[in-house]
């Protein structure tokens, strides 16, 4: 078997494995429903993002218009 044939066989095998992994992850995602812990975690992340955005806004404001500008 030539090296080109072997390379194509390996590439096809890897492609098949990746396709099966994708199918498995999609089927698992369909069966899993969001839990209350995931929803609470999501709202906590949103709150943290908002807090960090406000902090960044304050820093930008002070760097442009603060007492030392």
N, C-alpha and C. Protein backbone atom coordinates (compact mmCIF):
# COMPACT_ATOMS: atom_id res chain seq x y z
N UNK A 1 0.86 -1.17 0.00
CA UNK A 1 0.00 0.00 0.00
C UNK A 1 0.90 1.23 0.00
N UNK A 2 0.60 2.16 -0.87
CA UNK A 2 1.44 3.35 -0.97
C UNK A 2 1.17 4.31 0.19
N UNK A 3 2.09 5.23 0.37
CA UNK A 3 1.94 6.18 1.48
C UNK A 3 0.75 7.11 1.26
N UNK A 4 0.43 7.40 0.02
CA UNK A 4 -0.73 8.25 -0.28
C UNK A 4 -2.02 7.54 0.12
N UNK A 5 -2.09 6.26 -0.18
CA UNK A 5 -3.28 5.48 0.18
C UNK A 5 -3.44 5.42 1.70
N UNK A 6 -2.32 5.22 2.39
CA UNK A 6 -2.37 5.19 3.85
C UNK A 6 -2.82 6.53 4.41
N UNK A 7 -2.33 7.61 3.83
CA UNK A 7 -2.72 8.94 4.30
C UNK A 7 -4.21 9.17 4.13
N UNK A 8 -4.76 8.73 2.98
CA UNK A 8 -6.19 8.88 2.75
C UNK A 8 -7.00 8.02 3.71
N UNK A 9 -6.51 6.83 4.02
CA UNK A 9 -7.20 5.95 4.97
C UNK A 9 -7.22 6.59 6.36
N UNK A 10 -6.11 7.16 6.76
CA UNK A 10 -6.04 7.81 8.07
C UNK A 10 -6.96 9.01 8.11
N UNK A 11 -6.94 9.81 7.04
CA UNK A 11 -7.80 11.00 6.99
C UNK A 11 -9.28 10.61 7.04
N UNK A 12 -9.65 9.56 6.32
CA UNK A 12 -11.04 9.11 6.32
C UNK A 12 -11.44 8.60 7.71
N UNK A 13 -10.53 7.88 8.35
CA UNK A 13 -10.83 7.36 9.70
C UNK A 13 -11.01 8.50 10.69
N UNK A 14 -10.14 9.49 10.62
CA UNK A 14 -10.25 10.64 11.53
C UNK A 14 -11.56 11.38 11.28
N UNK A 15 -11.90 11.55 10.01
CA UNK A 15 -13.15 12.23 9.67
C UNK A 15 -14.36 11.49 10.21
N UNK A 16 -14.33 10.16 10.11
CA UNK A 16 -15.45 9.36 10.62
C UNK A 16 -15.56 9.48 12.13
N UNK A 17 -14.44 9.44 12.82
CA UNK A 17 -14.46 9.57 14.28
C UNK A 17 -15.00 10.93 14.69
N UNK A 18 -14.54 11.98 14.02
CA UNK A 18 -15.03 13.33 14.35
C UNK A 18 -16.53 13.46 14.09
N UNK A 19 -17.01 12.87 13.01
CA UNK A 19 -18.45 12.92 12.71
C UNK A 19 -19.25 12.20 13.79
N UNK A 20 -18.75 11.06 14.25
CA UNK A 20 -19.44 10.34 15.32
C UNK A 20 -19.43 11.13 16.62
N UNK A 21 -18.33 11.81 16.91
CA UNK A 21 -18.27 12.64 18.12
C UNK A 21 -19.30 13.76 18.05
N UNK A 22 -19.41 14.39 16.88
CA UNK A 22 -20.39 15.47 16.71
C UNK A 22 -21.81 14.95 16.90
N UNK A 23 -22.10 13.79 16.33
CA UNK A 23 -23.44 13.23 16.49
C UNK A 23 -23.74 12.93 17.95
N UNK A 24 -22.76 12.42 18.65
CA UNK A 24 -22.95 12.09 20.06
C UNK A 24 -23.19 13.36 20.88
N UNK A 25 -22.41 14.40 20.61
CA UNK A 25 -22.58 15.63 21.39
C UNK A 25 -23.92 16.30 21.10
N UNK A 26 -24.38 16.20 19.85
CA UNK A 26 -25.68 16.79 19.50
C UNK A 26 -26.81 16.02 20.18
N UNK A 27 -26.72 14.70 20.19
CA UNK A 27 -27.78 13.92 20.82
C UNK A 27 -27.80 14.14 22.34
N UNK A 28 -26.63 14.30 22.94
CA UNK A 28 -26.58 14.57 24.37
C UNK A 28 -27.14 15.96 24.67
N UNK A 29 -26.85 16.93 23.82
CA UNK A 29 -27.35 18.28 24.04
C UNK A 29 -28.88 18.32 23.96
N UNK A 30 -29.45 17.51 23.10
CA UNK A 30 -30.91 17.48 22.96
C UNK A 30 -31.57 16.87 24.19
N UNK A 31 -30.92 15.89 24.81
CA UNK A 31 -31.54 15.21 25.94
C UNK A 31 -31.34 15.96 27.26
N UNK A 32 -30.32 16.80 27.33
CA UNK A 32 -30.07 17.53 28.57
C UNK A 32 -30.89 18.81 28.61
N UNK A 33 -31.61 19.01 29.67
CA UNK A 33 -32.37 20.23 29.86
C UNK A 33 -31.58 21.14 30.80
N UNK A 34 -31.72 22.44 30.66
CA UNK A 34 -31.00 23.33 31.56
C UNK A 34 -31.50 23.18 33.00
N UNK A 35 -30.59 22.99 33.90
CA UNK A 35 -30.97 22.83 35.30
C UNK A 35 -31.06 24.20 35.96
N UNK A 36 -31.64 24.23 37.14
CA UNK A 36 -31.76 25.50 37.84
C UNK A 36 -30.39 26.02 38.24
N UNK A 37 -29.43 25.12 38.49
CA UNK A 37 -28.07 25.55 38.83
C UNK A 37 -27.42 26.24 37.63
N UNK A 38 -27.67 25.72 36.43
CA UNK A 38 -27.10 26.33 35.23
C UNK A 38 -27.71 27.70 34.99
N UNK A 39 -29.00 27.84 35.24
CA UNK A 39 -29.67 29.12 35.07
C UNK A 39 -29.14 30.12 36.09
N UNK A 40 -28.96 29.69 37.34
CA UNK A 40 -28.43 30.57 38.38
C UNK A 40 -27.00 30.97 38.05
N UNK A 41 -26.22 30.04 37.55
CA UNK A 41 -24.84 30.32 37.16
C UNK A 41 -24.81 31.33 36.02
N UNK A 42 -25.73 31.19 35.09
CA UNK A 42 -25.80 32.10 33.96
C UNK A 42 -26.13 33.52 34.43
N UNK A 43 -27.08 33.66 35.33
CA UNK A 43 -27.43 35.00 35.81
C UNK A 43 -26.29 35.59 36.62
N UNK A 44 -25.56 34.76 37.35
CA UNK A 44 -24.41 35.25 38.11
C UNK A 44 -23.33 35.75 37.16
N UNK A 45 -23.10 35.02 36.06
CA UNK A 45 -22.11 35.45 35.08
C UNK A 45 -22.51 36.76 34.43
N UNK A 46 -23.80 36.92 34.14
CA UNK A 46 -24.26 38.17 33.56
C UNK A 46 -24.05 39.33 34.51
N UNK A 47 -24.31 39.11 35.79
CA UNK A 47 -24.13 40.15 36.79
C UNK A 47 -22.65 40.52 36.92
N UNK A 48 -21.77 39.52 36.92
CA UNK A 48 -20.33 39.78 37.00
C UNK A 48 -19.85 40.55 35.76
N UNK A 49 -20.37 40.20 34.60
CA UNK A 49 -19.99 40.90 33.37
C UNK A 49 -20.44 42.35 33.42
N UNK A 50 -21.64 42.59 33.94
CA UNK A 50 -22.13 43.95 34.04
C UNK A 50 -21.28 44.76 35.02
N UNK A 51 -20.91 44.15 36.15
CA UNK A 51 -20.08 44.83 37.14
C UNK A 51 -18.72 45.17 36.56
N UNK A 52 -18.12 44.24 35.83
CA UNK A 52 -16.80 44.51 35.26
C UNK A 52 -16.91 45.56 34.15
N UNK A 53 -18.01 45.57 33.41
CA UNK A 53 -18.20 46.59 32.39
C UNK A 53 -18.33 47.97 33.02
N UNK A 54 -19.05 48.07 34.13
CA UNK A 54 -19.18 49.34 34.83
C UNK A 54 -17.82 49.81 35.36
N UNK A 55 -17.02 48.89 35.87
CA UNK A 55 -15.70 49.24 36.36
C UNK A 55 -14.82 49.75 35.23
N UNK A 56 -14.87 49.09 34.10
CA UNK A 56 -14.09 49.53 32.95
C UNK A 56 -14.55 50.90 32.48
N UNK A 57 -15.86 51.13 32.47
CA UNK A 57 -16.38 52.42 32.06
C UNK A 57 -15.88 53.53 32.99
N UNK A 58 -15.86 53.23 34.29
CA UNK A 58 -15.38 54.21 35.27
C UNK A 58 -13.89 54.52 35.05
N UNK A 59 -13.10 53.49 34.81
CA UNK A 59 -11.67 53.68 34.58
C UNK A 59 -11.44 54.51 33.32
N UNK A 60 -12.16 54.21 32.27
CA UNK A 60 -12.01 54.98 31.03
C UNK A 60 -12.43 56.43 31.24
N UNK A 61 -13.50 56.66 31.97
CA UNK A 61 -13.95 58.01 32.23
C UNK A 61 -12.90 58.79 33.02
N UNK A 62 -12.39 58.16 34.09
CA UNK A 62 -11.41 58.85 34.92
C UNK A 62 -10.09 59.08 34.18
N UNK A 63 -9.72 58.16 33.28
CA UNK A 63 -8.47 58.36 32.55
C UNK A 63 -8.60 59.50 31.55
N UNK A 64 -9.82 59.74 31.07
CA UNK A 64 -10.01 60.84 30.12
C UNK A 64 -10.36 62.16 30.81
N UNK A 65 -11.17 62.11 31.87
CA UNK A 65 -11.71 63.32 32.46
C UNK A 65 -11.37 63.47 33.94
N UNK A 66 -10.50 62.62 34.46
CA UNK A 66 -10.19 62.62 35.87
C UNK A 66 -9.43 63.85 36.32
N UNK A 67 -9.08 63.91 37.61
CA UNK A 67 -8.45 65.10 38.17
C UNK A 67 -7.05 65.38 37.63
N UNK A 68 -6.41 64.39 37.01
CA UNK A 68 -5.03 64.60 36.56
C UNK A 68 -4.93 64.82 35.05
N UNK A 69 -6.05 64.94 34.36
CA UNK A 69 -5.95 65.08 32.91
C UNK A 69 -5.75 66.51 32.49
